């Protein structure tokens, strides 16, 4: 849905990086960034498997947030 939205934006001559920068950027968004998001989500779930509900602590939330920012900057 997001890439469809970006396609519509590009047809209206508005800036749309995922569409105007070629398929490489879109594939990176679909594959690489999704892969690292899945790793972060799985890591969180593995840490919280012994808990009955997904109730993250603020410390865990901030830690995952900073890990995501670091990964985004590295890639």
C-alpha atoms as a PDB file:
ATOM      1  CA  UNK A   1       0.000   0.000   0.000  1.00  0.00           C
ATOM      2  CA  UNK A   2       2.815   2.372   0.849  1.00  0.00           C
ATOM      3  CA  UNK A   3       4.576   1.877  -2.473  1.00  0.00           C
ATOM      4  CA  UNK A   4       1.243   2.373  -4.274  1.00  0.00           C
ATOM      5  CA  UNK A   5       0.853   5.629  -2.407  1.00  0.00           C
ATOM      6  CA  UNK A   6       4.348   6.666  -3.460  1.00  0.00           C
ATOM      7  CA  UNK A   7       3.521   5.829  -7.084  1.00  0.00           C
ATOM      8  CA  UNK A   8       0.464   8.095  -6.961  1.00  0.00           C
ATOM      9  CA  UNK A   9       2.557  10.886  -5.472  1.00  0.00           C
ATOM     10  CA  UNK A  10       5.120  10.549  -8.263  1.00  0.00           C
ATOM     11  CA  UNK A  11       2.384  10.740 -10.902  1.00  0.00           C
ATOM     12  CA  UNK A  12       1.283  14.044  -9.375  1.00  0.00           C
ATOM     13  CA  UNK A  13       4.864  15.401  -9.675  1.00  0.00           C
ATOM     14  CA  UNK A  14       5.437  15.420  -5.934  1.00  0.00           C
ATOM     15  CA  UNK A  15       8.739  14.166  -4.467  1.00  0.00           C
ATOM     16  CA  UNK A  16       8.665  10.447  -3.816  1.00  0.00           C
ATOM     17  CA  UNK A  17      12.082   8.951  -3.120  1.00  0.00           C
ATOM     18  CA  UNK A  18      11.085   5.295  -3.311  1.00  0.00           C
ATOM     19  CA  UNK A  19       9.667   5.761  -6.791  1.00  0.00           C
ATOM     20  CA  UNK A  20      11.853   8.461  -8.324  1.00  0.00           C
ATOM     21  CA  UNK A  21      15.142   6.879  -7.236  1.00  0.00           C
ATOM     22  CA  UNK A  22      14.486   3.611  -9.077  1.00  0.00           C
ATOM     23  CA  UNK A  23      13.678   0.036  -8.202  1.00  0.00           C
ATOM     24  CA  UNK A  24      16.824  -0.419  -6.134  1.00  0.00           C
ATOM     25  CA  UNK A  25      15.494   1.857  -3.421  1.00  0.00           C
ATOM     26  CA  UNK A  26      12.093   0.145  -3.424  1.00  0.00           C
ATOM     27  CA  UNK A  27      13.680  -3.318  -3.225  1.00  0.00           C
ATOM     28  CA  UNK A  28      15.904  -2.152  -0.395  1.00  0.00           C
ATOM     29  CA  UNK A  29      12.811  -0.945   1.440  1.00  0.00           C
ATOM     30  CA  UNK A  30      10.956  -4.214   0.835  1.00  0.00           C
ATOM     31  CA  UNK A  31      13.748  -6.657   1.520  1.00  0.00           C
ATOM     32  CA  UNK A  32      16.594  -5.255   3.558  1.00  0.00           C
ATOM     33  CA  UNK A  33      14.744  -2.945   5.897  1.00  0.00           C
ATOM     34  CA  UNK A  34      11.945  -5.474   6.390  1.00  0.00           C
ATOM     35  CA  UNK A  35      14.546  -8.112   7.266  1.00  0.00           C
ATOM     36  CA  UNK A  36      16.096  -5.970   9.996  1.00  0.00           C
ATOM     37  CA  UNK A  37      12.675  -5.000  11.345  1.00  0.00           C
ATOM     38  CA  UNK A  38      11.787  -8.695  11.547  1.00  0.00           C
ATOM     39  CA  UNK A  39      15.010  -9.396  13.455  1.00  0.00           C
ATOM     40  CA  UNK A  40      14.195  -6.656  15.975  1.00  0.00           C
ATOM     41  CA  UNK A  41      10.633  -7.896  16.426  1.00  0.00           C
ATOM     42  CA  UNK A  42      11.765 -11.517  16.805  1.00  0.00           C
ATOM     43  CA  UNK A  43      14.435 -10.471  19.283  1.00  0.00           C
ATOM     44  CA  UNK A  44      11.880  -8.672  21.388  1.00  0.00           C
ATOM     45  CA  UNK A  45       9.503 -11.629  21.284  1.00  0.00           C
ATOM     46  CA  UNK A  46      12.300 -14.010  22.277  1.00  0.00           C
ATOM     47  CA  UNK A  47      13.092 -11.839  25.293  1.00  0.00           C
ATOM     48  CA  UNK A  48       9.467 -11.681  26.355  1.00  0.00           C
ATOM     49  CA  UNK A  49       8.393 -15.306  25.698  1.00  0.00           C
ATOM     50  CA  UNK A  50       8.123 -16.067  29.388  1.00  0.00           C
ATOM     51  CA  UNK A  51       5.713 -13.164  29.913  1.00  0.00           C
ATOM     52  CA  UNK A  52       2.009 -13.740  29.365  1.00  0.00           C
ATOM     53  CA  UNK A  53       1.366 -10.407  27.666  1.00  0.00           C
ATOM     54  CA  UNK A  54       3.402  -8.103  25.481  1.00  0.00           C
ATOM     55  CA  UNK A  55       3.889  -5.291  27.932  1.00  0.00           C
ATOM     56  CA  UNK A  56       7.299  -3.777  27.141  1.00  0.00           C
ATOM     57  CA  UNK A  57       9.126  -1.792  29.717  1.00  0.00           C
ATOM     58  CA  UNK A  58      10.144   1.755  28.793  1.00  0.00           C
ATOM     59  CA  UNK A  59      13.789   0.666  28.915  1.00  0.00           C
ATOM     60  CA  UNK A  60      13.204  -2.101  26.359  1.00  0.00           C
ATOM     61  CA  UNK A  61      11.250   0.252  24.127  1.00  0.00           C
ATOM     62  CA  UNK A  62      13.976   2.898  24.126  1.00  0.00           C
ATOM     63  CA  UNK A  63      16.692   0.285  23.602  1.00  0.00           C
ATOM     64  CA  UNK A  64      14.937  -1.157  20.534  1.00  0.00           C
ATOM     65  CA  UNK A  65      14.299   2.366  19.260  1.00  0.00           C
ATOM     66  CA  UNK A  66      18.003   3.250  19.423  1.00  0.00           C
ATOM     67  CA  UNK A  67      18.996  -0.075  17.849  1.00  0.00           C
ATOM     68  CA  UNK A  68      16.634   0.673  14.957  1.00  0.00           C
ATOM     69  CA  UNK A  69      18.160   4.135  14.491  1.00  0.00           C
ATOM     70  CA  UNK A  70      21.700   2.730  14.495  1.00  0.00           C
ATOM     71  CA  UNK A  71      20.783   0.072  11.944  1.00  0.00           C
ATOM     72  CA  UNK A  72      19.081   2.695   9.785  1.00  0.00           C
ATOM     73  CA  UNK A  73      22.208   4.878   9.845  1.00  0.00           C
ATOM     74  CA  UNK A  74      24.551   1.987   9.071  1.00  0.00           C
ATOM     75  CA  UNK A  75      22.528   0.754   6.102  1.00  0.00           C
END
